[in-house]
Structure formats: structure tokens, C-alpha cells
PDB file of N, CA and C in Angstrom:
ATOM      1  N   MET A   1      92.446 185.575  21.842  1.00  0.00           N
ATOM      2  CA  MET A   1      92.062 184.495  22.583  1.00  0.00           C
ATOM      3  C   MET A   1      93.289 183.723  22.579  1.00  0.00           C
ATOM      4  N   LYS A   2      93.615 183.191  23.864  1.00  0.00           N
ATOM      5  CA  LYS A   2      94.832 182.306  24.141  1.00  0.00           C
ATOM      6  C   LYS A   2      94.381 180.962  24.531  1.00  0.00           C
ATOM      7  N   VAL A   3      94.701 179.769  24.062  1.00  0.00           N
ATOM      8  CA  VAL A   3      94.439 178.627  24.527  1.00  0.00           C
ATOM      9  C   VAL A   3      95.645 177.727  25.004  1.00  0.00           C
ATOM     10  N   ASP A   4      95.501 177.366  26.208  1.00  0.00           N
ATOM     11  CA  ASP A   4      96.791 176.702  26.551  1.00  0.00           C
ATOM     12  C   ASP A   4      96.328 174.919  26.586  1.00  0.00           C
ATOM     13  N   GLN A   5      97.129 174.245  26.047  1.00  0.00           N
ATOM     14  CA  GLN A   5      96.820 172.719  26.095  1.00  0.00           C
ATOM     15  C   GLN A   5      97.953 172.079  26.780  1.00  0.00           C
ATOM     16  N   THR A   6      97.327 171.172  27.574  1.00  0.00           N
ATOM     17  CA  THR A   6      98.376 170.369  28.378  1.00  0.00           C
ATOM     18  C   THR A   6      98.177 168.921  28.081  1.00  0.00           C
ATOM     19  N   MET A   7      99.416 168.235  27.686  1.00  0.00           N
ATOM     20  CA  MET A   7      99.069 167.005  27.310  1.00  0.00           C
ATOM     21  C   MET A   7      99.837 166.243  28.460  1.00  0.00           C
ATOM     22  N   THR A   8      99.376 165.036  28.985  1.00  0.00           N
ATOM     23  CA  THR A   8      99.770 164.255  29.835  1.00  0.00           C
ATOM     24  C   THR A   8      99.994 162.978  29.287  1.00  0.00           C
ATOM     25  N   ILE A   9     101.296 162.561  29.385  1.00  0.00           N
ATOM     26  CA  ILE A   9     101.528 161.178  28.844  1.00  0.00           C
ATOM     27  C   ILE A   9     101.836 160.293  29.998  1.00  0.00           C
ATOM     28  N   THR A  10     101.060 159.164  29.626  1.00  0.00           N
ATOM     29  CA  THR A  10     100.949 158.199  30.848  1.00  0.00           C
ATOM     30  C   THR A  10     101.700 156.786  30.477  1.00  0.00           C
ATOM     31  N   LYS A  11     102.368 156.224  31.095  1.00  0.00           N
ATOM     32  CA  LYS A  11     103.019 155.031  30.656  1.00  0.00           C
ATOM     33  C   LYS A  11     102.093 153.726  30.842  1.00  0.00           C
ATOM     34  N   ALA A  12     101.763 153.023  30.091  1.00  0.00           N
ATOM     35  CA  ALA A  12     100.899 151.897  30.367  1.00  0.00           C
ATOM     36  C   ALA A  12     101.740 150.672  30.853  1.00  0.00           C
ATOM     37  N   GLN A  13     101.245 150.347  32.016  1.00  0.00           N
ATOM     38  CA  GLN A  13     101.983 148.967  32.785  1.00  0.00           C
ATOM     39  C   GLN A  13     101.214 147.983  32.551  1.00  0.00           C
ATOM     40  N   LYS A  14     101.814 146.735  32.468  1.00  0.00           N
ATOM     41  CA  LYS A  14     101.460 145.298  32.177  1.00  0.00           C
ATOM     42  C   LYS A  14     100.985 145.220  33.663  1.00  0.00           C
ATOM     43  N   THR A  15      99.838 144.501  33.562  1.00  0.00           N
ATOM     44  CA  THR A  15      98.959 143.985  34.536  1.00  0.00           C
ATOM     45  C   THR A  15      99.802 142.557  35.146  1.00  0.00           C
ATOM     46  N   GLU A  16      99.826 142.443  36.374  1.00  0.00           N
ATOM     47  CA  GLU A  16     100.537 141.347  37.098  1.00  0.00           C
ATOM     48  C   GLU A  16      99.416 140.552  37.628  1.00  0.00           C
ATOM     49  N   PHE A  17      99.594 139.165  37.349  1.00  0.00           N
ATOM     50  CA  PHE A  17      98.809 138.277  38.075  1.00  0.00           C
ATOM     51  C   PHE A  17      99.502 137.138  38.764  1.00  0.00           C
ATOM     52  N   VAL A  18      98.769 136.526  39.739  1.00  0.00           N
ATOM     53  CA  VAL A  18      99.492 135.541  40.698  1.00  0.00           C
ATOM     54  C   VAL A  18      98.634 134.456  40.868  1.00  0.00           C
ATOM     55  N   CYS A  19      98.798 133.294  41.032  1.00  0.00           N
ATOM     56  CA  CYS A  19      97.845 132.223  41.393  1.00  0.00           C
ATOM     57  C   CYS A  19      98.132 131.859  42.803  1.00  0.00           C
ATOM     58  N   VAL A  20      97.039 131.827  43.600  1.00  0.00           N
ATOM     59  CA  VAL A  20      97.236 131.381  44.848  1.00  0.00           C
ATOM     60  C   VAL A  20      96.317 129.935  45.123  1.00  0.00           C
ATOM     61  N   ARG A  21      96.687 129.438  46.450  1.00  0.00           N
ATOM     62  CA  ARG A  21      95.988 128.401  46.896  1.00  0.00           C
ATOM     63  C   ARG A  21      95.715 128.683  48.577  1.00  0.00           C
ATOM     64  N   PRO A  22      94.333 128.459  48.914  1.00  0.00           N
ATOM     65  CA  PRO A  22      94.089 128.649  50.325  1.00  0.00           C
ATOM     66  C   PRO A  22      94.861 127.748  51.085  1.00  0.00           C
ATOM     67  N   LYS A  23      95.114 128.134  52.429  1.00  0.00           N
ATOM     68  CA  LYS A  23      95.771 127.151  53.347  1.00  0.00           C
ATOM     69  C   LYS A  23      94.915 126.941  54.540  1.00  0.00           C
ATOM     70  N   THR A  24      94.160 127.864  55.100  1.00  0.00           N
ATOM     71  CA  THR A  24      93.241 127.960  56.222  1.00  0.00           C
ATOM     72  C   THR A  24      91.837 127.867  55.831  1.00  0.00           C
ATOM     73  N   SER A  25      90.916 127.130  56.869  1.00  0.00           N
ATOM     74  CA  SER A  25      89.583 127.081  56.709  1.00  0.00           C
ATOM     75  C   SER A  25      88.829 128.558  56.211  1.00  0.00           C
ATOM     76  N   LYS A  26      89.219 129.581  56.838  1.00  0.00           N
ATOM     77  CA  LYS A  26      88.932 130.895  56.417  1.00  0.00           C
ATOM     78  C   LYS A  26      89.351 131.181  54.999  1.00  0.00           C
ATOM     79  N   ALA A  27      90.408 130.931  54.658  1.00  0.00           N
ATOM     80  CA  ALA A  27      90.681 131.342  53.062  1.00  0.00           C
ATOM     81  C   ALA A  27      90.034 130.285  52.186  1.00  0.00           C
ATOM     82  N   LYS A  28      89.892 128.981  52.604  1.00  0.00           N
ATOM     83  CA  LYS A  28      89.318 128.056  51.766  1.00  0.00           C
ATOM     84  C   LYS A  28      87.707 128.655  51.536  1.00  0.00           C
ATOM     85  N   ASN A  29      87.367 129.046  52.862  1.00  0.00           N
ATOM     86  CA  ASN A  29      85.619 129.579  52.510  1.00  0.00           C
ATOM     87  C   ASN A  29      85.802 130.740  51.446  1.00  0.00           C
ATOM     88  N   ARG A  30      86.574 131.699  51.681  1.00  0.00           N
ATOM     89  CA  ARG A  30      86.466 132.917  50.809  1.00  0.00           C
ATOM     90  C   ARG A  30      87.023 132.479  49.425  1.00  0.00           C
ATOM     91  N   PHE A  31      87.830 131.521  49.121  1.00  0.00           N
ATOM     92  CA  PHE A  31      88.072 130.980  47.981  1.00  0.00           C
ATOM     93  C   PHE A  31      86.884 130.375  47.372  1.00  0.00           C
ATOM     94  N   ALA A  32      86.070 129.504  47.973  1.00  0.00           N
ATOM     95  CA  ALA A  32      85.071 129.029  47.449  1.00  0.00           C
ATOM     96  C   ALA A  32      83.683 129.915  47.373  1.00  0.00           C
ATOM     97  N   ASN A  33      83.389 130.780  48.300  1.00  0.00           N
ATOM     98  CA  ASN A  33      82.270 131.781  48.158  1.00  0.00           C
ATOM     99  C   ASN A  33      82.653 132.859  47.589  1.00  0.00           C
ATOM    100  N   GLN A  34      83.646 133.455  47.599  1.00  0.00           N
ATOM    101  CA  GLN A  34      83.781 134.960  47.082  1.00  0.00           C
ATOM    102  C   GLN A  34      84.860 134.997  45.835  1.00  0.00           C
ATOM    103  N   MET A  35      85.561 133.862  45.509  1.00  0.00           N
ATOM    104  CA  MET A  35      86.581 133.600  44.430  1.00  0.00           C
ATOM    105  C   MET A  35      85.958 132.798  43.424  1.00  0.00           C
ATOM    106  N   ASP A  36      84.974 132.126  43.637  1.00  0.00           N
ATOM    107  CA  ASP A  36      84.189 131.240  42.687  1.00  0.00           C
ATOM    108  C   ASP A  36      85.366 130.054  42.335  1.00  0.00           C
ATOM    109  N   LEU A  37      86.200 129.870  43.105  1.00  0.00           N
ATOM    110  CA  LEU A  37      87.223 128.728  42.974  1.00  0.00           C
ATOM    111  C   LEU A  37      88.380 128.867  42.020  1.00  0.00           C
ATOM    112  N   LEU A  38      88.308 130.267  41.656  1.00  0.00           N
ATOM    113  CA  LEU A  38      89.602 130.585  40.465  1.00  0.00           C
ATOM    114  C   LEU A  38      90.585 131.112  41.333  1.00  0.00           C
ATOM    115  N   HIS A  39      91.883 130.582  40.757  1.00  0.00           N
ATOM    116  CA  HIS A  39      93.148 130.806  41.681  1.00  0.00           C
ATOM    117  C   HIS A  39      93.815 132.003  41.170  1.00  0.00           C
ATOM    118  N   SER A  40      93.722 132.484  39.983  1.00  0.00           N
ATOM    119  CA  SER A  40      94.163 133.757  39.573  1.00  0.00           C
ATOM    120  C   SER A  40      93.719 135.077  40.101  1.00  0.00           C
ATOM    121  N   CYS A  41      94.816 135.996  40.633  1.00  0.00           N
ATOM    122  CA  CYS A  41      94.285 137.304  41.378  1.00  0.00           C
ATOM    123  C   CYS A  41      95.312 138.253  40.400  1.00  0.00           C
ATOM    124  N   ARG A  42      94.691 139.414  40.410  1.00  0.00           N
ATOM    125  CA  ARG A  42      95.416 140.473  40.007  1.00  0.00           C
ATOM    126  C   ARG A  42      96.080 141.281  41.015  1.00  0.00           C
ATOM    127  N   ILE A  43      97.397 141.654  40.778  1.00  0.00           N
ATOM    128  CA  ILE A  43      98.127 142.247  41.602  1.00  0.00           C
ATOM    129  C   ILE A  43      97.917 143.837  41.810  1.00  0.00           C
ATOM    130  N   GLU A  44      97.251 144.294  42.518  1.00  0.00           N
ATOM    131  CA  GLU A  44      96.894 145.796  42.523  1.00  0.00           C
ATOM    132  C   GLU A  44      97.898 146.633  43.225  1.00  0.00           C
ATOM    133  N   LYS A  45      98.500 146.353  44.077  1.00  0.00           N
ATOM    134  CA  LYS A  45      99.852 147.185  44.705  1.00  0.00           C
ATOM    135  C   LYS A  45     100.675 146.283  45.531  1.00  0.00           C
ATOM    136  N   ARG A  46     101.950 146.407  45.410  1.00  0.00           N
ATOM    137  CA  ARG A  46     103.029 145.854  46.297  1.00  0.00           C
ATOM    138  C   ARG A  46     103.367 146.957  47.333  1.00  0.00           C
ATOM    139  N   GLN A  47     103.532 146.538  48.331  1.00  0.00           N
ATOM    140  CA  GLN A  47     103.977 147.519  49.361  1.00  0.00           C
ATOM    141  C   GLN A  47     104.646 146.758  50.554  1.00  0.00           C
ATOM    142  N   ASP A  48     105.865 147.327  51.120  1.00  0.00           N
ATOM    143  CA  ASP A  48     106.270 146.732  52.382  1.00  0.00           C
ATOM    144  C   ASP A  48     106.624 144.886  52.458  1.00  0.00           C
ATOM    145  N   GLY A  49     106.808 144.447  51.244  1.00  0.00           N
ATOM    146  CA  GLY A  49     106.753 142.897  51.166  1.00  0.00           C
ATOM    147  C   GLY A  49     105.408 142.194  51.203  1.00  0.00           C
ATOM    148  N   LYS A  50     104.522 143.040  51.027  1.00  0.00           N
ATOM    149  CA  LYS A  50     103.167 142.580  50.532  1.00  0.00           C
ATOM    150  C   LYS A  50     102.528 142.879  49.207  1.00  0.00           C
ATOM    151  N   MET A  51     101.361 141.949  48.898  1.00  0.00           N
ATOM    152  CA  MET A  51     100.876 142.490  47.780  1.00  0.00           C
ATOM    153  C   MET A  51      99.173 142.431  48.038  1.00  0.00           C
ATOM    154  N   PHE A  52      98.706 143.593  47.551  1.00  0.00           N
ATOM    155  CA  PHE A  52      97.252 143.716  47.545  1.00  0.00           C
ATOM    156  C   PHE A  52      96.529 143.223  46.266  1.00  0.00           C
ATOM    157  N   LEU A  53      95.912 142.051  46.536  1.00  0.00           N
ATOM    158  CA  LEU A  53      95.369 141.262  45.513  1.00  0.00           C
ATOM    159  C   LEU A  53      93.921 141.462  45.453  1.00  0.00           C
ATOM    160  N   ALA A  54      93.521 141.222  43.752  1.00  0.00           N
ATOM    161  CA  ALA A  54      91.983 141.143  43.736  1.00  0.00           C
ATOM    162  C   ALA A  54      91.755 140.131  43.035  1.00  0.00           C
ATOM    163  N   SER A  55      90.561 139.463  43.578  1.00  0.00           N
ATOM    164  CA  SER A  55      90.366 137.919  42.634  1.00  0.00           C
ATOM    165  C   SER A  55      89.553 138.295  41.510  1.00  0.00           C
ATOM    166  N   ILE A  56      89.842 137.464  40.582  1.00  0.00           N
ATOM    167  CA  ILE A  56      89.414 137.839  39.209  1.00  0.00           C
ATOM    168  C   ILE A  56      88.146 137.599  39.178  1.00  0.00           C
ATOM    169  N   SER A  57      87.186 136.991  40.037  1.00  0.00           N
ATOM    170  CA  SER A  57      85.707 137.380  40.145  1.00  0.00           C
ATOM    171  C   SER A  57      85.262 138.862  40.549  1.00  0.00           C
ATOM    172  N   GLY A  58      86.237 139.406  41.122  1.00  0.00           N
ATOM    173  CA  GLY A  58      85.792 141.002  41.615  1.00  0.00           C
ATOM    174  C   GLY A  58      85.369 140.970  42.936  1.00  0.00           C
ATOM    175  N   LYS A  59      85.064 139.772  43.427  1.00  0.00           N
ATOM    176  CA  LYS A  59      84.280 139.924  44.504  1.00  0.00           C
ATOM    177  C   LYS A  59      85.178 139.970  45.966  1.00  0.00           C
ATOM    178  N   TYR A  60      86.285 139.829  45.931  1.00  0.00           N
ATOM    179  CA  TYR A  60      87.236 139.403  47.130  1.00  0.00           C
ATOM    180  C   TYR A  60      88.746 140.070  46.729  1.00  0.00           C
ATOM    181  N   PHE A  61      88.972 141.099  47.681  1.00  0.00           N
ATOM    182  CA  PHE A  61      90.390 141.756  47.943  1.00  0.00           C
ATOM    183  C   PHE A  61      91.058 141.443  49.190  1.00  0.00           C
ATOM    184  N   PHE A  62      92.369 141.286  49.241  1.00  0.00           N
ATOM    185  CA  PHE A  62      93.108 141.027  50.406  1.00  0.00           C
ATOM    186  C   PHE A  62      94.420 141.430  50.264  1.00  0.00           C
ATOM    187  N   TRP A  63      95.170 141.292  50.996  1.00  0.00           N
ATOM    188  CA  TRP A  63      96.681 141.494  51.552  1.00  0.00           C
ATOM    189  C   TRP A  63      97.290 140.229  51.639  1.00  0.00           C
ATOM    190  N   MET A  64      98.442 140.055  50.915  1.00  0.00           N
ATOM    191  CA  MET A  64      99.084 138.708  51.176  1.00  0.00           C
ATOM    192  C   MET A  64     100.645 138.943  51.152  1.00  0.00           C
ATOM    193  N   ASN A  65     101.316 138.339  52.238  1.00  0.00           N
ATOM    194  CA  ASN A  65     102.677 138.444  52.454  1.00  0.00           C
ATOM    195  C   ASN A  65     103.358 137.857  51.104  1.00  0.00           C
ATOM    196  N   GLU A  66     104.334 138.414  50.532  1.00  0.00           N
ATOM    197  CA  GLU A  66     105.049 137.830  49.380  1.00  0.00           C
ATOM    198  C   GLU A  66     105.804 136.699  49.518  1.00  0.00           C
ATOM    199  N   SER A  67     106.472 136.706  50.880  1.00  0.00           N
ATOM    200  CA  SER A  67     107.506 135.387  51.061  1.00  0.00           C
ATOM    201  C   SER A  67     106.918 134.479  51.749  1.00  0.00           C
ATOM    202  N   SER A  68     106.055 134.565  52.850  1.00  0.00           N
ATOM    203  CA  SER A  68     105.419 133.548  53.510  1.00  0.00           C
ATOM    204  C   SER A  68     103.897 134.226  53.898  1.00  0.00           C
ATOM    205  N   ASP A  69     103.009 133.603  53.784  1.00  0.00           N
ATOM    206  CA  ASP A  69     101.599 133.826  54.123  1.00  0.00           C
ATOM    207  C   ASP A  69     100.848 132.702  55.207  1.00  0.00           C
ATOM    208  N   ASP A  70     100.249 133.267  56.013  1.00  0.00           N
ATOM    209  CA  ASP A  70      99.473 132.119  56.913  1.00  0.00           C
ATOM    210  C   ASP A  70      98.413 131.654  56.478  1.00  0.00           C
ATOM    211  N   HIS A  71      97.717 132.404  55.659  1.00  0.00           N
ATOM    212  CA  HIS A  71      96.438 131.950  54.681  1.00  0.00           C
ATOM    213  C   HIS A  71      96.542 131.529  53.610  1.00  0.00           C
ATOM    214  N   TRP A  72      97.517 132.018  52.695  1.00  0.00           N
ATOM    215  CA  TRP A  72      97.605 131.485  51.265  1.00  0.00           C
ATOM    216  C   TRP A  72      99.093 131.317  50.955  1.00  0.00           C
ATOM    217  N   GLU A  73      99.195 130.529  49.843  1.00  0.00           N
ATOM    218  CA  GLU A  73     100.356 130.228  49.189  1.00  0.00           C
ATOM    219  C   GLU A  73     100.294 130.611  47.563  1.00  0.00           C
ATOM    220  N   VAL A  74     101.296 131.114  47.100  1.00  0.00           N
ATOM    221  CA  VAL A  74     101.576 131.184  45.724  1.00  0.00           C
ATOM    222  C   VAL A  74     101.816 129.732  45.145  1.00  0.00           C
ATOM    223  N   ILE A  75     101.155 129.591  44.096  1.00  0.00           N
ATOM    224  CA  ILE A  75     101.175 128.316  43.058  1.00  0.00           C
ATOM    225  C   ILE A  75     101.654 128.841  41.893  1.00  0.00           C
ATOM    226  N   LYS A  76     102.461 127.872  41.049  1.00  0.00           N
ATOM    227  CA  LYS A  76     102.758 128.191  39.507  1.00  0.00           C
ATOM    228  C   LYS A  76     104.010 128.770  39.692  1.00  0.00           C
TER     229      LYS A  76
END
């Protein structure tokens, strides 16, 4: 009997966080009602000058421009 074993080595990546502040009334509504007024967001993905963010509350996910965004600003 022959047994093949495959080992996959994955590199653990450090989770990135960013603090955001709402600029528009729509963003302020999401910040209060879905983000529980918590500024920190986990960066899920970076692509084409944008970040896909997950709120710490786990209730809200959104794309944000890294350089300049109409609805959100990076703080800290």
C-alpha cells in the first residue's frame, strides 16, 4: 500500500486595520447603525487604489478609495 501525503505551507499575514470617519449623511447613518460608532475597520482586500473594509462590528462591508473618498476619511 502506498500513501501520498501533501503538505501545504501557508504564510500567515498580519491583519491590517484602518480607522475611518464618516463624511456624508449616508456614511454617518451607516457608522451609527451598522458600525456601532466604532472607527476601526479590517482591510479585507486592496485592489486598484481601493480598500475593501469590514467594520469591527462585522455588520458592514464597503469599498473605500485609498487616496480620496467622497464618503469616508482615514484618521490616525
